[in-house]
Structure formats: C-alpha cells, structure tokens
PDB file of N, CA and C in Angstrom:
ATOM      1  N   UNK A   1      17.134  -5.759 -27.634  1.00  0.00           N
ATOM      2  CA  UNK A   1      17.655  -4.543 -28.213  1.00  0.00           C
ATOM      3  C   UNK A   1      17.334  -3.382 -27.276  1.00  0.00           C
ATOM      4  N   UNK A   2      18.163  -2.394 -27.296  1.00  0.00           N
ATOM      5  CA  UNK A   2      17.941  -1.238 -26.435  1.00  0.00           C
ATOM      6  C   UNK A   2      16.929  -0.285 -27.061  1.00  0.00           C
ATOM      7  N   UNK A   3      16.031   0.197 -26.210  1.00  0.00           N
ATOM      8  CA  UNK A   3      15.029   1.160 -26.639  1.00  0.00           C
ATOM      9  C   UNK A   3      15.672   2.541 -26.767  1.00  0.00           C
ATOM     10  N   UNK A   4      14.983   3.516 -27.321  1.00  0.00           N
ATOM     11  CA  UNK A   4      15.545   4.864 -27.397  1.00  0.00           C
ATOM     12  C   UNK A   4      15.861   5.476 -26.033  1.00  0.00           C
ATOM     13  N   UNK A   5      15.253   4.963 -24.974  1.00  0.00           N
ATOM     14  CA  UNK A   5      15.537   5.472 -23.631  1.00  0.00           C
ATOM     15  C   UNK A   5      16.673   4.716 -22.951  1.00  0.00           C
ATOM     16  N   UNK A   6      17.250   3.707 -23.617  1.00  0.00           N
ATOM     17  CA  UNK A   6      18.403   2.986 -23.077  1.00  0.00           C
ATOM     18  C   UNK A   6      18.075   1.739 -22.283  1.00  0.00           C
ATOM     19  N   UNK A   7      16.803   1.341 -22.223  1.00  0.00           N
ATOM     20  CA  UNK A   7      16.427   0.128 -21.512  1.00  0.00           C
ATOM     21  C   UNK A   7      16.428  -1.047 -22.477  1.00  0.00           C
ATOM     22  N   UNK A   8      16.721  -2.224 -21.960  1.00  0.00           N
ATOM     23  CA  UNK A   8      16.732  -3.429 -22.776  1.00  0.00           C
ATOM     24  C   UNK A   8      15.316  -4.000 -22.861  1.00  0.00           C
ATOM     25  N   UNK A   9      14.819  -4.243 -24.072  1.00  0.00           N
ATOM     26  CA  UNK A   9      13.479  -4.792 -24.272  1.00  0.00           C
ATOM     27  C   UNK A   9      13.513  -5.726 -25.479  1.00  0.00           C
ATOM     28  N   UNK A  10      13.018  -6.946 -25.304  1.00  0.00           N
ATOM     29  CA  UNK A  10      13.061  -7.919 -26.404  1.00  0.00           C
ATOM     30  C   UNK A  10      11.997  -7.651 -27.459  1.00  0.00           C
ATOM     31  N   UNK A  11      11.037  -6.794 -27.185  1.00  0.00           N
ATOM     32  CA  UNK A  11       9.976  -6.495 -28.141  1.00  0.00           C
ATOM     33  C   UNK A  11      10.293  -5.282 -29.014  1.00  0.00           C
ATOM     34  N   UNK A  12      11.282  -4.496 -28.654  1.00  0.00           N
ATOM     35  CA  UNK A  12      11.643  -3.321 -29.453  1.00  0.00           C
ATOM     36  C   UNK A  12      12.573  -3.752 -30.578  1.00  0.00           C
ATOM     37  N   UNK A  13      12.353  -3.203 -31.773  1.00  0.00           N
ATOM     38  CA  UNK A  13      13.204  -3.487 -32.917  1.00  0.00           C
ATOM     39  C   UNK A  13      13.547  -2.181 -33.610  1.00  0.00           C
ATOM     40  N   UNK A  14      14.821  -1.983 -33.854  1.00  0.00           N
ATOM     41  CA  UNK A  14      15.279  -0.805 -34.576  1.00  0.00           C
ATOM     42  C   UNK A  14      16.217  -1.209 -35.693  1.00  0.00           C
ATOM     43  N   UNK A  15      15.965  -0.735 -36.891  1.00  0.00           N
ATOM     44  CA  UNK A  15      16.805  -1.027 -38.042  1.00  0.00           C
ATOM     45  C   UNK A  15      17.502   0.269 -38.452  1.00  0.00           C
ATOM     46  N   UNK A  16      18.788   0.323 -38.180  1.00  0.00           N
ATOM     47  CA  UNK A  16      19.565   1.527 -38.458  1.00  0.00           C
ATOM     48  C   UNK A  16      20.667   1.258 -39.489  1.00  0.00           C
ATOM     49  N   UNK A  17      20.608   0.157 -40.168  1.00  0.00           N
ATOM     50  CA  UNK A  17      21.648  -0.238 -41.105  1.00  0.00           C
ATOM     51  C   UNK A  17      21.661   0.684 -42.328  1.00  0.00           C
ATOM     52  N   UNK A  18      22.820   1.237 -42.624  1.00  0.00           N
ATOM     53  CA  UNK A  18      23.058   2.109 -43.780  1.00  0.00           C
ATOM     54  C   UNK A  18      22.059   3.256 -43.883  1.00  0.00           C
ATOM     55  N   UNK A  19      21.865   3.928 -42.768  1.00  0.00           N
ATOM     56  CA  UNK A  19      21.043   5.131 -42.774  1.00  0.00           C
ATOM     57  C   UNK A  19      19.560   4.915 -42.588  1.00  0.00           C
ATOM     58  N   UNK A  20      19.143   3.673 -42.447  1.00  0.00           N
ATOM     59  CA  UNK A  20      17.726   3.431 -42.211  1.00  0.00           C
ATOM     60  C   UNK A  20      17.351   3.915 -40.815  1.00  0.00           C
ATOM     61  N   UNK A  21      16.117   4.269 -40.658  1.00  0.00           N
ATOM     62  CA  UNK A  21      15.638   4.724 -39.359  1.00  0.00           C
ATOM     63  C   UNK A  21      14.237   4.153 -39.131  1.00  0.00           C
ATOM     64  N   UNK A  22      14.189   2.836 -38.940  1.00  0.00           N
ATOM     65  CA  UNK A  22      12.917   2.149 -38.732  1.00  0.00           C
ATOM     66  C   UNK A  22      12.888   1.579 -37.321  1.00  0.00           C
ATOM     67  N   UNK A  23      11.896   1.987 -36.539  1.00  0.00           N
ATOM     68  CA  UNK A  23      11.731   1.496 -35.171  1.00  0.00           C
ATOM     69  C   UNK A  23      10.303   0.989 -35.005  1.00  0.00           C
ATOM     70  N   UNK A  24      10.157  -0.101 -34.250  1.00  0.00           N
ATOM     71  CA  UNK A  24       8.824  -0.650 -34.005  1.00  0.00           C
ATOM     72  C   UNK A  24       8.801  -1.420 -32.695  1.00  0.00           C
ATOM     73  N   UNK A  25       7.626  -1.532 -32.126  1.00  0.00           N
ATOM     74  CA  UNK A  25       7.407  -2.348 -30.944  1.00  0.00           C
ATOM     75  C   UNK A  25       6.634  -3.569 -31.399  1.00  0.00           C
ATOM     76  N   UNK A  26       7.247  -4.723 -31.335  1.00  0.00           N
ATOM     77  CA  UNK A  26       6.616  -5.935 -31.838  1.00  0.00           C
ATOM     78  C   UNK A  26       5.544  -6.475 -30.897  1.00  0.00           C
ATOM     79  N   UNK A  27       5.505  -6.002 -29.685  1.00  0.00           N
ATOM     80  CA  UNK A  27       4.426  -6.382 -28.779  1.00  0.00           C
ATOM     81  C   UNK A  27       3.141  -5.633 -29.130  1.00  0.00           C
ATOM     82  N   UNK A  28       3.286  -4.412 -29.603  1.00  0.00           N
ATOM     83  CA  UNK A  28       2.122  -3.569 -29.901  1.00  0.00           C
ATOM     84  C   UNK A  28       1.702  -3.592 -31.363  1.00  0.00           C
ATOM     85  N   UNK A  29       2.435  -4.247 -32.228  1.00  0.00           N
ATOM     86  CA  UNK A  29       2.119  -4.155 -33.655  1.00  0.00           C
ATOM     87  C   UNK A  29       0.795  -4.826 -34.021  1.00  0.00           C
ATOM     88  N   UNK A  30       0.380  -5.840 -33.284  1.00  0.00           N
ATOM     89  CA  UNK A  30      -0.885  -6.511 -33.587  1.00  0.00           C
ATOM     90  C   UNK A  30      -1.931  -6.308 -32.497  1.00  0.00           C
ATOM     91  N   UNK A  31      -1.759  -5.295 -31.696  1.00  0.00           N
ATOM     92  CA  UNK A  31      -2.690  -5.045 -30.595  1.00  0.00           C
ATOM     93  C   UNK A  31      -3.993  -4.468 -31.133  1.00  0.00           C
ATOM     94  N   UNK A  32      -5.125  -5.095 -30.784  1.00  0.00           N
ATOM     95  CA  UNK A  32      -6.396  -4.543 -31.248  1.00  0.00           C
ATOM     96  C   UNK A  32      -6.784  -3.311 -30.429  1.00  0.00           C
ATOM     97  N   UNK A  33      -7.481  -2.409 -31.050  1.00  0.00           N
ATOM     98  CA  UNK A  33      -7.975  -1.183 -30.405  1.00  0.00           C
ATOM     99  C   UNK A  33      -6.857  -0.356 -29.785  1.00  0.00           C
ATOM    100  N   UNK A  34      -5.699  -0.398 -30.363  1.00  0.00           N
ATOM    101  CA  UNK A  34      -4.568   0.341 -29.830  1.00  0.00           C
ATOM    102  C   UNK A  34      -4.320   1.589 -30.675  1.00  0.00           C
ATOM    103  N   UNK A  35      -3.876   2.633 -30.021  1.00  0.00           N
ATOM    104  CA  UNK A  35      -3.493   3.833 -30.750  1.00  0.00           C
ATOM    105  C   UNK A  35      -2.111   3.616 -31.362  1.00  0.00           C
ATOM    106  N   UNK A  36      -1.673   4.553 -32.138  1.00  0.00           N
ATOM    107  CA  UNK A  36      -0.400   4.416 -32.846  1.00  0.00           C
ATOM    108  C   UNK A  36       0.784   4.481 -31.879  1.00  0.00           C
ATOM    109  N   UNK A  37       1.758   3.599 -32.083  1.00  0.00           N
ATOM    110  CA  UNK A  37       2.963   3.557 -31.260  1.00  0.00           C
ATOM    111  C   UNK A  37       3.965   4.587 -31.757  1.00  0.00           C
ATOM    112  N   UNK A  38       4.643   5.248 -30.806  1.00  0.00           N
ATOM    113  CA  UNK A  38       5.718   6.194 -31.093  1.00  0.00           C
ATOM    114  C   UNK A  38       6.903   5.837 -30.204  1.00  0.00           C
ATOM    115  N   UNK A  39       8.133   6.098 -30.611  1.00  0.00           N
ATOM    116  CA  UNK A  39       9.295   5.786 -29.775  1.00  0.00           C
ATOM    117  C   UNK A  39       9.291   6.496 -28.424  1.00  0.00           C
ATOM    118  N   UNK A  40       8.595   7.618 -28.300  1.00  0.00           N
ATOM    119  CA  UNK A  40       8.542   8.335 -27.020  1.00  0.00           C
ATOM    120  C   UNK A  40       7.802   7.532 -25.952  1.00  0.00           C
ATOM    121  N   UNK A  41       6.967   6.590 -26.344  1.00  0.00           N
ATOM    122  CA  UNK A  41       6.242   5.764 -25.378  1.00  0.00           C
ATOM    123  C   UNK A  41       7.171   4.824 -24.604  1.00  0.00           C
ATOM    124  N   UNK A  42       8.349   4.566 -25.125  1.00  0.00           N
ATOM    125  CA  UNK A  42       9.306   3.688 -24.438  1.00  0.00           C
ATOM    126  C   UNK A  42       9.755   4.266 -23.098  1.00  0.00           C
ATOM    127  N   UNK A  43       9.669   5.572 -22.940  1.00  0.00           N
ATOM    128  CA  UNK A  43      10.110   6.207 -21.691  1.00  0.00           C
ATOM    129  C   UNK A  43       9.239   5.817 -20.509  1.00  0.00           C
ATOM    130  N   UNK A  44       7.947   5.591 -20.740  1.00  0.00           N
ATOM    131  CA  UNK A  44       7.039   5.247 -19.649  1.00  0.00           C
ATOM    132  C   UNK A  44       6.503   3.825 -19.742  1.00  0.00           C
ATOM    133  N   UNK A  45       7.009   3.035 -20.648  1.00  0.00           N
ATOM    134  CA  UNK A  45       6.514   1.676 -20.859  1.00  0.00           C
ATOM    135  C   UNK A  45       6.949   0.758 -19.714  1.00  0.00           C
ATOM    136  N   UNK A  46       6.022  -0.017 -19.128  1.00  0.00           N
ATOM    137  CA  UNK A  46       6.372  -0.910 -18.022  1.00  0.00           C
ATOM    138  C   UNK A  46       6.962  -2.245 -18.464  1.00  0.00           C
ATOM    139  N   UNK A  47       6.982  -2.561 -19.747  1.00  0.00           N
ATOM    140  CA  UNK A  47       7.414  -3.876 -20.217  1.00  0.00           C
ATOM    141  C   UNK A  47       8.879  -4.182 -19.893  1.00  0.00           C
ATOM    142  N   UNK A  48       9.850  -3.277 -20.104  1.00  0.00           N
ATOM    143  CA  UNK A  48      11.231  -3.619 -19.737  1.00  0.00           C
ATOM    144  C   UNK A  48      11.388  -3.939 -18.252  1.00  0.00           C
ATOM    145  N   UNK A  49      10.679  -3.249 -17.389  1.00  0.00           N
ATOM    146  CA  UNK A  49      10.738  -3.545 -15.961  1.00  0.00           C
ATOM    147  C   UNK A  49      10.143  -4.896 -15.628  1.00  0.00           C
ATOM    148  N   UNK A  50       9.053  -5.248 -16.298  1.00  0.00           N
ATOM    149  CA  UNK A  50       8.439  -6.556 -16.085  1.00  0.00           C
ATOM    150  C   UNK A  50       9.371  -7.663 -16.550  1.00  0.00           C
ATOM    151  N   UNK A  51      10.011  -7.472 -17.689  1.00  0.00           N
ATOM    152  CA  UNK A  51      10.920  -8.493 -18.210  1.00  0.00           C
ATOM    153  C   UNK A  51      12.154  -8.666 -17.327  1.00  0.00           C
ATOM    154  N   UNK A  52      12.622  -7.590 -16.711  1.00  0.00           N
ATOM    155  CA  UNK A  52      13.758  -7.708 -15.783  1.00  0.00           C
ATOM    156  C   UNK A  52      13.353  -8.412 -14.495  1.00  0.00           C
ATOM    157  N   UNK A  53      12.151  -8.159 -14.014  1.00  0.00           N
ATOM    158  CA  UNK A  53      11.714  -8.704 -12.733  1.00  0.00           C
ATOM    159  C   UNK A  53      11.212 -10.138 -12.839  1.00  0.00           C
ATOM    160  N   UNK A  54      10.634 -10.519 -13.973  1.00  0.00           N
ATOM    161  CA  UNK A  54      10.006 -11.825 -14.088  1.00  0.00           C
ATOM    162  C   UNK A  54      10.339 -12.422 -15.449  1.00  0.00           C
ATOM    163  N   UNK A  55      11.048 -13.522 -15.444  1.00  0.00           N
ATOM    164  CA  UNK A  55      11.443 -14.185 -16.683  1.00  0.00           C
ATOM    165  C   UNK A  55      10.716 -15.514 -16.857  1.00  0.00           C
ATOM    166  N   UNK A  56       9.483 -15.604 -16.391  1.00  0.00           N
ATOM    167  CA  UNK A  56       8.703 -16.842 -16.474  1.00  0.00           C
ATOM    168  C   UNK A  56       8.371 -17.139 -17.934  1.00  0.00           C
ATOM    169  N   UNK A  57       8.627 -18.359 -18.371  1.00  0.00           N
ATOM    170  CA  UNK A  57       8.365 -18.725 -19.757  1.00  0.00           C
ATOM    171  C   UNK A  57       6.877 -18.962 -20.031  1.00  0.00           C
ATOM    172  N   UNK A  58       6.069 -19.065 -18.991  1.00  0.00           N
ATOM    173  CA  UNK A  58       4.632 -19.301 -19.150  1.00  0.00           C
ATOM    174  C   UNK A  58       3.824 -18.010 -19.224  1.00  0.00           C
ATOM    175  N   UNK A  59       4.435 -16.876 -18.937  1.00  0.00           N
ATOM    176  CA  UNK A  59       3.702 -15.613 -18.909  1.00  0.00           C
ATOM    177  C   UNK A  59       3.709 -14.957 -20.290  1.00  0.00           C
ATOM    178  N   UNK A  60       2.517 -14.635 -20.775  1.00  0.00           N
ATOM    179  CA  UNK A  60       2.367 -13.927 -22.036  1.00  0.00           C
ATOM    180  C   UNK A  60       1.907 -12.510 -21.745  1.00  0.00           C
ATOM    181  N   UNK A  61       2.543 -11.548 -22.405  1.00  0.00           N
ATOM    182  CA  UNK A  61       2.185 -10.147 -22.212  1.00  0.00           C
ATOM    183  C   UNK A  61       1.318  -9.675 -23.376  1.00  0.00           C
ATOM    184  N   UNK A  62       0.296  -8.905 -23.047  1.00  0.00           N
ATOM    185  CA  UNK A  62      -0.567  -8.274 -24.032  1.00  0.00           C
ATOM    186  C   UNK A  62      -0.599  -6.786 -23.690  1.00  0.00           C
ATOM    187  N   UNK A  63      -0.302  -5.956 -24.671  1.00  0.00           N
ATOM    188  CA  UNK A  63      -0.202  -4.520 -24.409  1.00  0.00           C
ATOM    189  C   UNK A  63      -1.044  -3.734 -25.394  1.00  0.00           C
ATOM    190  N   UNK A  64      -1.376  -2.525 -24.985  1.00  0.00           N
ATOM    191  CA  UNK A  64      -2.073  -1.601 -25.870  1.00  0.00           C
ATOM    192  C   UNK A  64      -1.727  -0.175 -25.481  1.00  0.00           C
ATOM    193  N   UNK A  65      -1.777   0.709 -26.457  1.00  0.00           N
ATOM    194  CA  UNK A  65      -1.542   2.131 -26.227  1.00  0.00           C
ATOM    195  C   UNK A  65      -2.901   2.776 -26.001  1.00  0.00           C
ATOM    196  N   UNK A  66      -3.008   3.515 -24.921  1.00  0.00           N
ATOM    197  CA  UNK A  66      -4.266   4.178 -24.611  1.00  0.00           C
ATOM    198  C   UNK A  66      -4.002   5.572 -24.079  1.00  0.00           C
ATOM    199  N   UNK A  67      -4.996   6.390 -24.158  1.00  0.00           N
ATOM    200  CA  UNK A  67      -4.963   7.743 -23.602  1.00  0.00           C
ATOM    201  C   UNK A  67      -6.224   7.892 -22.760  1.00  0.00           C
ATOM    202  N   UNK A  68      -6.070   7.969 -21.413  1.00  0.00           N
ATOM    203  CA  UNK A  68      -7.253   7.988 -20.555  1.00  0.00           C
ATOM    204  C   UNK A  68      -8.168   9.186 -20.823  1.00  0.00           C
ATOM    205  N   UNK A  69      -7.613  10.349 -20.981  1.00  0.00           N
ATOM    206  CA  UNK A  69      -8.355  11.556 -21.326  1.00  0.00           C
ATOM    207  C   UNK A  69      -7.534  12.312 -22.354  1.00  0.00           C
ATOM    208  N   UNK A  70      -8.128  13.219 -23.050  1.00  0.00           N
ATOM    209  CA  UNK A  70      -7.410  13.942 -24.103  1.00  0.00           C
ATOM    210  C   UNK A  70      -6.336  14.868 -23.556  1.00  0.00           C
ATOM    211  N   UNK A  71      -6.417  15.211 -22.286  1.00  0.00           N
ATOM    212  CA  UNK A  71      -5.417  16.116 -21.727  1.00  0.00           C
ATOM    213  C   UNK A  71      -4.171  15.371 -21.249  1.00  0.00           C
ATOM    214  N   UNK A  72      -4.237  14.051 -21.112  1.00  0.00           N
ATOM    215  CA  UNK A  72      -3.087  13.261 -20.664  1.00  0.00           C
ATOM    216  C   UNK A  72      -2.331  12.698 -21.855  1.00  0.00           C
ATOM    217  N   UNK A  73      -1.069  12.349 -21.618  1.00  0.00           N
ATOM    218  CA  UNK A  73      -0.246  11.731 -22.654  1.00  0.00           C
ATOM    219  C   UNK A  73      -0.629  10.261 -22.819  1.00  0.00           C
ATOM    220  N   UNK A  74      -0.318   9.723 -23.967  1.00  0.00           N
ATOM    221  CA  UNK A  74      -0.595   8.311 -24.238  1.00  0.00           C
ATOM    222  C   UNK A  74       0.316   7.433 -23.377  1.00  0.00           C
ATOM    223  N   UNK A  75      -0.188   6.295 -22.963  1.00  0.00           N
ATOM    224  CA  UNK A  75       0.538   5.350 -22.112  1.00  0.00           C
ATOM    225  C   UNK A  75       0.382   3.939 -22.677  1.00  0.00           C
ATOM    226  N   UNK A  76       1.231   3.051 -22.203  1.00  0.00           N
ATOM    227  CA  UNK A  76       1.147   1.640 -22.567  1.00  0.00           C
ATOM    228  C   UNK A  76       0.543   0.892 -21.392  1.00  0.00           C
ATOM    229  N   UNK A  77      -0.529   0.166 -21.644  1.00  0.00           N
ATOM    230  CA  UNK A  77      -1.169  -0.670 -20.618  1.00  0.00           C
ATOM    231  C   UNK A  77      -0.802  -2.124 -20.923  1.00  0.00           C
ATOM    232  N   UNK A  78      -0.352  -2.845 -19.890  1.00  0.00           N
ATOM    233  CA  UNK A  78       0.097  -4.224 -20.061  1.00  0.00           C
ATOM    234  C   UNK A  78      -0.750  -5.144 -19.198  1.00  0.00           C
ATOM    235  N   UNK A  79      -1.185  -6.240 -19.813  1.00  0.00           N
ATOM    236  CA  UNK A  79      -1.872  -7.306 -19.090  1.00  0.00           C
ATOM    237  C   UNK A  79      -1.072  -8.578 -19.312  1.00  0.00           C
ATOM    238  N   UNK A  80      -1.028  -9.426 -18.284  1.00  0.00           N
ATOM    239  CA  UNK A  80      -0.275 -10.672 -18.373  1.00  0.00           C
ATOM    240  C   UNK A  80      -1.207 -11.854 -18.179  1.00  0.00           C
ATOM    241  N   UNK A  81      -0.883 -12.954 -18.849  1.00  0.00           N
ATOM    242  CA  UNK A  81      -1.672 -14.173 -18.771  1.00  0.00           C
ATOM    243  C   UNK A  81      -0.714 -15.349 -18.622  1.00  0.00           C
ATOM    244  N   UNK A  82      -1.004 -16.239 -17.681  1.00  0.00           N
ATOM    245  CA  UNK A  82      -0.165 -17.424 -17.447  1.00  0.00           C
ATOM    246  C   UNK A  82      -0.762 -18.598 -18.217  1.00  0.00           C
ATOM    247  N   UNK A  83       0.005 -19.190 -19.120  1.00  0.00           N
ATOM    248  CA  UNK A  83      -0.486 -20.310 -19.909  1.00  0.00           C
ATOM    249  C   UNK A  83      -0.447 -21.621 -19.134  1.00  0.00           C
ATOM    250  N   UNK A  84       0.325 -21.689 -18.070  1.00  0.00           N
ATOM    251  CA  UNK A  84       0.391 -22.915 -17.274  1.00  0.00           C
ATOM    252  C   UNK A  84      -0.832 -23.047 -16.369  1.00  0.00           C
ATOM    253  N   UNK A  85      -1.205 -21.987 -15.689  1.00  0.00           N
ATOM    254  CA  UNK A  85      -2.344 -22.037 -14.775  1.00  0.00           C
ATOM    255  C   UNK A  85      -3.638 -21.544 -15.424  1.00  0.00           C
ATOM    256  N   UNK A  86      -3.563 -21.046 -16.660  1.00  0.00           N
ATOM    257  CA  UNK A  86      -4.721 -20.570 -17.415  1.00  0.00           C
ATOM    258  C   UNK A  86      -5.488 -19.483 -16.655  1.00  0.00           C
ATOM    259  N   UNK A  87      -4.744 -18.498 -16.148  1.00  0.00           N
ATOM    260  CA  UNK A  87      -5.396 -17.406 -15.433  1.00  0.00           C
ATOM    261  C   UNK A  87      -4.677 -16.095 -15.716  1.00  0.00           C
ATOM    262  N   UNK A  88      -5.399 -15.011 -15.479  1.00  0.00           N
ATOM    263  CA  UNK A  88      -4.835 -13.676 -15.640  1.00  0.00           C
ATOM    264  C   UNK A  88      -3.928 -13.381 -14.451  1.00  0.00           C
ATOM    265  N   UNK A  89      -2.783 -12.785 -14.716  1.00  0.00           N
ATOM    266  CA  UNK A  89      -1.814 -12.461 -13.675  1.00  0.00           C
ATOM    267  C   UNK A  89      -2.123 -11.071 -13.147  1.00  0.00           C
ATOM    268  N   UNK A  90      -2.315 -10.972 -11.832  1.00  0.00           N
ATOM    269  CA  UNK A  90      -2.672  -9.683 -11.229  1.00  0.00           C
ATOM    270  C   UNK A  90      -1.487  -8.728 -11.205  1.00  0.00           C
ATOM    271  N   UNK A  91      -0.313  -9.213 -10.827  1.00  0.00           N
ATOM    272  CA  UNK A  91       0.889  -8.378 -10.751  1.00  0.00           C
ATOM    273  C   UNK A  91       1.975  -8.995 -11.639  1.00  0.00           C
ATOM    274  N   UNK A  92       2.165  -8.477 -12.872  1.00  0.00           N
ATOM    275  CA  UNK A  92       3.138  -9.077 -13.794  1.00  0.00           C
ATOM    276  C   UNK A  92       4.586  -9.029 -13.299  1.00  0.00           C
ATOM    277  N   UNK A  93       4.927  -8.070 -12.443  1.00  0.00           N
ATOM    278  CA  UNK A  93       6.299  -8.011 -11.941  1.00  0.00           C
ATOM    279  C   UNK A  93       6.612  -9.210 -11.050  1.00  0.00           C
ATOM    280  N   UNK A  94       5.609  -9.755 -10.385  1.00  0.00           N
ATOM    281  CA  UNK A  94       5.808 -10.877  -9.467  1.00  0.00           C
ATOM    282  C   UNK A  94       5.453 -12.198 -10.127  1.00  0.00           C
ATOM    283  N   UNK A  95       4.383 -12.243 -10.888  1.00  0.00           N
ATOM    284  CA  UNK A  95       3.939 -13.464 -11.536  1.00  0.00           C
ATOM    285  C   UNK A  95       2.675 -13.990 -10.886  1.00  0.00           C
ATOM    286  N   UNK A  96       2.250 -15.178 -11.304  1.00  0.00           N
ATOM    287  CA  UNK A  96       0.996 -15.731 -10.801  1.00  0.00           C
ATOM    288  C   UNK A  96       1.159 -16.388  -9.439  1.00  0.00           C
ATOM    289  N   UNK A  97       2.363 -16.779  -9.076  1.00  0.00           N
ATOM    290  CA  UNK A  97       2.593 -17.415  -7.785  1.00  0.00           C
ATOM    291  C   UNK A  97       2.517 -18.925  -7.830  1.00  0.00           C
ATOM    292  N   UNK A  98       2.071 -19.492  -8.946  1.00  0.00           N
ATOM    293  CA  UNK A  98       1.956 -20.940  -9.079  1.00  0.00           C
ATOM    294  C   UNK A  98       3.151 -21.555  -9.803  1.00  0.00           C
ATOM    295  N   UNK A  99       3.681 -20.866 -10.775  1.00  0.00           N
ATOM    296  CA  UNK A  99       4.781 -21.417 -11.575  1.00  0.00           C
ATOM    297  C   UNK A  99       6.080 -21.504 -10.781  1.00  0.00           C
ATOM    298  N   UNK A 100       6.337 -20.524  -9.973  1.00  0.00           N
ATOM    299  CA  UNK A 100       7.565 -20.461  -9.186  1.00  0.00           C
ATOM    300  C   UNK A 100       7.191 -20.158  -7.750  1.00  0.00           C
ATOM    301  N   UNK A 101       7.802 -20.862  -6.827  1.00  0.00           N
ATOM    302  CA  UNK A 101       7.528 -20.597  -5.414  1.00  0.00           C
ATOM    303  C   UNK A 101       8.112 -19.253  -5.027  1.00  0.00           C
ATOM    304  N   UNK A 102       7.316 -18.459  -4.319  1.00  0.00           N
ATOM    305  CA  UNK A 102       7.765 -17.155  -3.856  1.00  0.00           C
ATOM    306  C   UNK A 102       8.487 -17.300  -2.521  1.00  0.00           C
ATOM    307  N   UNK A 103       9.510 -16.503  -2.274  1.00  0.00           N
ATOM    308  CA  UNK A 103      10.167 -16.507  -0.969  1.00  0.00           C
ATOM    309  C   UNK A 103       9.191 -16.075   0.128  1.00  0.00           C
ATOM    310  N   UNK A 104       9.525 -16.415   1.352  1.00  0.00           N
ATOM    311  CA  UNK A 104       8.650 -16.154   2.485  1.00  0.00           C
ATOM    312  C   UNK A 104       8.367 -14.663   2.700  1.00  0.00           C
ATOM    313  N   UNK A 105       9.345 -13.787   2.422  1.00  0.00           N
ATOM    314  CA  UNK A 105       9.132 -12.376   2.717  1.00  0.00           C
ATOM    315  C   UNK A 105       8.119 -11.732   1.779  1.00  0.00           C
ATOM    316  N   UNK A 106       7.754 -12.362   0.647  1.00  0.00           N
ATOM    317  CA  UNK A 106       6.700 -11.832  -0.211  1.00  0.00           C
ATOM    318  C   UNK A 106       5.316 -12.163   0.333  1.00  0.00           C
ATOM    319  N   UNK A 107       5.194 -13.214   1.107  1.00  0.00           N
ATOM    320  CA  UNK A 107       3.877 -13.641   1.581  1.00  0.00           C
ATOM    321  C   UNK A 107       3.441 -12.895   2.844  1.00  0.00           C
ATOM    322  N   UNK A 108       4.288 -12.077   3.425  1.00  0.00           N
ATOM    323  CA  UNK A 108       3.933 -11.344   4.638  1.00  0.00           C
ATOM    324  C   UNK A 108       3.059 -10.155   4.364  1.00  0.00           C
TER     325      UNK A 108
END
C-alpha cells in the first residue's frame, strides 16, 4: 500500500473505506520501547527503500521510533536479521552477502 508520502510499503496500512481514516504501521505496532507512530514518520522512514533494494525472503526487519535528543524530530531506526545465516545484517539495503551472491563491482 502507498504511504502518505507516495512510497510503496508492505507494512503500511490505511483504511479509508466510507470515510474512515485509520492509518498504521504494522512493522512498528509491536515494537518494544518505541515511541508513538505518526504518518509524518513515513517521509523519513528507510523501510520502503530497503524493500525496493533487497527482496530477500530470509531478512527480517525490526524497527522502532526514537528521538535522539529532544531538539530533533523523531526517526525510525531499522535493524535487519537474516534467518538463514542467523546473524545481524550490517547493511539492510545490500543484505548479509550469504543468501545471494553479490556482483563483482560490490566487492571492490
């Protein structure tokens, strides 16, 4: 479904049927120690970019809303975990490097 910013994200859900106005992020709904989600967070959320760049079925995303200092705006922090190799993924846009072979120009 498209987010309020126009990006495609499988975790965003919006119910607009017959005048309803319910929006939620299903990735963040069960996040522990997370601040409250707002639709404005979709503008800076890295999840749609990660989903476009990497479609690995073994990668699980875990996200939380955080505010580093009170003077900064809230942001979404994303961590990825590979269930095939049982390790944390350092760069979610690329993947763990074990599930799919990377082209030669990435290894330079």
